[in-house]
Protein backbone atom coordinates (compact mmCIF):
# COMPACT_ATOMS: atom_id res chain seq x y z
CA UNK A 1 -2.60 -18.80 4.96
CA UNK A 2 -2.74 -22.30 6.41
CA UNK A 3 -2.11 -23.26 10.01
CA UNK A 4 -1.42 -26.77 11.28
CA UNK A 5 -1.29 -27.32 15.04
CA UNK A 6 0.26 -30.30 16.75
CA UNK A 7 1.54 -31.48 20.11
CA UNK A 8 -1.61 -31.96 22.15
CA UNK A 9 -2.22 -34.99 24.31
CA UNK A 10 -3.13 -36.39 27.69
CA UNK A 11 -0.92 -35.47 30.64
CA UNK A 12 -1.11 -35.51 34.40
CA UNK A 13 -1.35 -32.36 36.52
CA UNK A 14 2.03 -30.71 36.90
CA UNK A 15 3.42 -32.08 33.66
CA UNK A 16 4.39 -30.18 30.51
CA UNK A 17 3.42 -30.09 26.86
CA UNK A 18 4.71 -28.16 23.90
CA UNK A 19 2.33 -27.16 21.15
CA UNK A 20 3.58 -26.22 17.73
CA UNK A 21 1.89 -24.54 14.81
CA UNK A 22 3.27 -24.62 11.30
CA UNK A 23 2.05 -21.71 9.25
CA UNK A 24 2.31 -21.18 5.53
CA UNK A 25 1.92 -17.80 3.90
CA UNK A 26 3.12 -15.91 6.95
CA UNK A 27 4.33 -12.34 6.55
CA UNK A 28 6.48 -12.01 9.68
CA UNK A 29 6.70 -8.23 9.49
CA UNK A 30 2.94 -7.76 9.85
CA UNK A 31 1.39 -10.98 11.19
CA UNK A 32 0.67 -11.44 14.86
CA UNK A 33 0.28 -15.01 16.06
CA UNK A 34 -1.28 -16.62 19.06
CA UNK A 35 -2.94 -19.52 20.79
CA UNK A 36 -6.54 -19.66 21.90
CA UNK A 37 -8.39 -22.40 23.70
CA UNK A 38 -11.95 -23.53 24.09
CA UNK A 39 -13.15 -25.78 26.87
CA UNK A 40 -16.47 -27.63 26.66
CA UNK A 41 -19.36 -25.25 27.26
CA UNK A 42 -17.12 -22.20 27.30
CA UNK A 43 -16.20 -19.48 24.86
CA UNK A 44 -12.92 -19.48 23.03
CA UNK A 45 -10.37 -17.43 24.94
CA UNK A 46 -6.96 -15.99 24.27
CA UNK A 47 -4.13 -17.92 25.89
CA UNK A 48 -1.06 -16.16 24.54
CA UNK A 49 -0.18 -13.82 21.72
CA UNK A 50 3.06 -12.71 20.11
CA UNK A 51 3.19 -9.71 17.82
CA UNK A 52 5.17 -9.27 14.65
CA UNK A 53 7.68 -7.34 16.74
CA UNK A 54 8.00 -10.09 19.34
CA UNK A 55 5.94 -8.57 22.15
CA UNK A 56 3.94 -11.09 24.12
CA UNK A 57 0.87 -11.10 26.29
CA UNK A 58 -0.78 -13.89 28.26
CA UNK A 59 -4.04 -14.71 29.92
CA UNK A 60 -3.74 -14.17 33.66
CA UNK A 61 -4.50 -17.84 34.26
CA UNK A 62 -1.37 -18.98 32.41
CA UNK A 63 1.15 -16.27 33.28
CA UNK A 64 4.33 -17.76 34.65
CA UNK A 65 3.47 -21.23 33.35
CA UNK A 66 3.13 -20.83 29.58
CA UNK A 67 5.59 -19.32 27.12
CA UNK A 68 4.86 -18.40 23.53
CA UNK A 69 7.59 -18.07 20.92
CA UNK A 70 7.87 -17.85 17.16
CA UNK A 71 10.44 -18.76 14.55
CA UNK A 72 9.90 -16.47 11.59
CA UNK A 73 12.42 -18.32 9.44
CA UNK A 74 10.47 -21.55 9.83
CA UNK A 75 7.02 -19.98 9.99
CA UNK A 76 6.20 -21.62 13.30
CA UNK A 77 4.79 -20.57 16.65
CA UNK A 78 5.15 -22.64 19.79
CA UNK A 79 3.45 -22.73 23.15
CA UNK A 80 5.43 -24.26 26.00
CA UNK A 81 3.03 -25.23 28.74
CA UNK A 82 4.43 -26.11 32.15
CA UNK A 83 2.77 -26.98 35.44
CA UNK A 84 -0.40 -27.95 33.66
CA UNK A 85 -3.65 -27.97 35.60
CA UNK A 86 -6.94 -29.75 34.96
CA UNK A 87 -8.50 -26.38 34.12
CA UNK A 88 -6.10 -26.10 31.18
CA UNK A 89 -8.02 -28.90 29.49
CA UNK A 90 -9.36 -27.59 26.19
CA UNK A 91 -8.97 -27.64 22.46
CA UNK A 92 -6.12 -25.29 21.60
CA UNK A 93 -6.20 -23.32 18.37
CA UNK A 94 -3.40 -21.59 16.55
CA UNK A 95 -4.28 -18.11 15.30
CA UNK A 96 -2.75 -15.71 12.81
CA UNK A 97 -3.91 -12.12 12.84
CA UNK A 98 -3.30 -9.96 9.77
CA UNK A 99 -4.78 -6.49 10.06
CA UNK A 100 -8.49 -7.18 10.69
CA UNK A 101 -8.40 -10.77 9.46
CA UNK A 102 -8.12 -13.88 11.61
CA UNK A 103 -6.93 -17.26 10.38
CA UNK A 104 -7.33 -20.44 12.42
CA UNK A 105 -5.78 -23.87 12.60
CA UNK A 106 -7.77 -27.03 13.17
CA UNK A 107 -7.19 -27.28 16.92
CA UNK A 108 -5.39 -29.80 19.07
CA UNK A 109 -6.81 -31.39 22.21
CA UNK A 110 -5.02 -30.94 25.53
CA UNK A 111 -6.31 -32.99 28.44
CA UNK A 112 -4.89 -32.67 31.92
CA UNK A 113 -6.12 -35.40 34.20
CA UNK A 114 -4.87 -37.79 36.83
């Protein structure tokens, strides 16, 4: 399994970004996928997760602003981030969960600042 995240950048508060993760070796019927983030001095935290069956869950801090989706045919997972806030600033990591195993992408920086 290999994960390649892209789409990070510098935006102003209130703007949007779309992160994308290209995954190879995905088994759509069993793999759950998600996005985590880690801000400086903080632990990595779950942002959003989508199961193999398409169920989603979000961190309370991003509910109503972020949307996770996946395209099993293309082996991709996206995170649409709207109404970004300075506290969303972090390195965002793509994650694939297969049974008890976790696979990680290299991370992409998202900075929200005026």
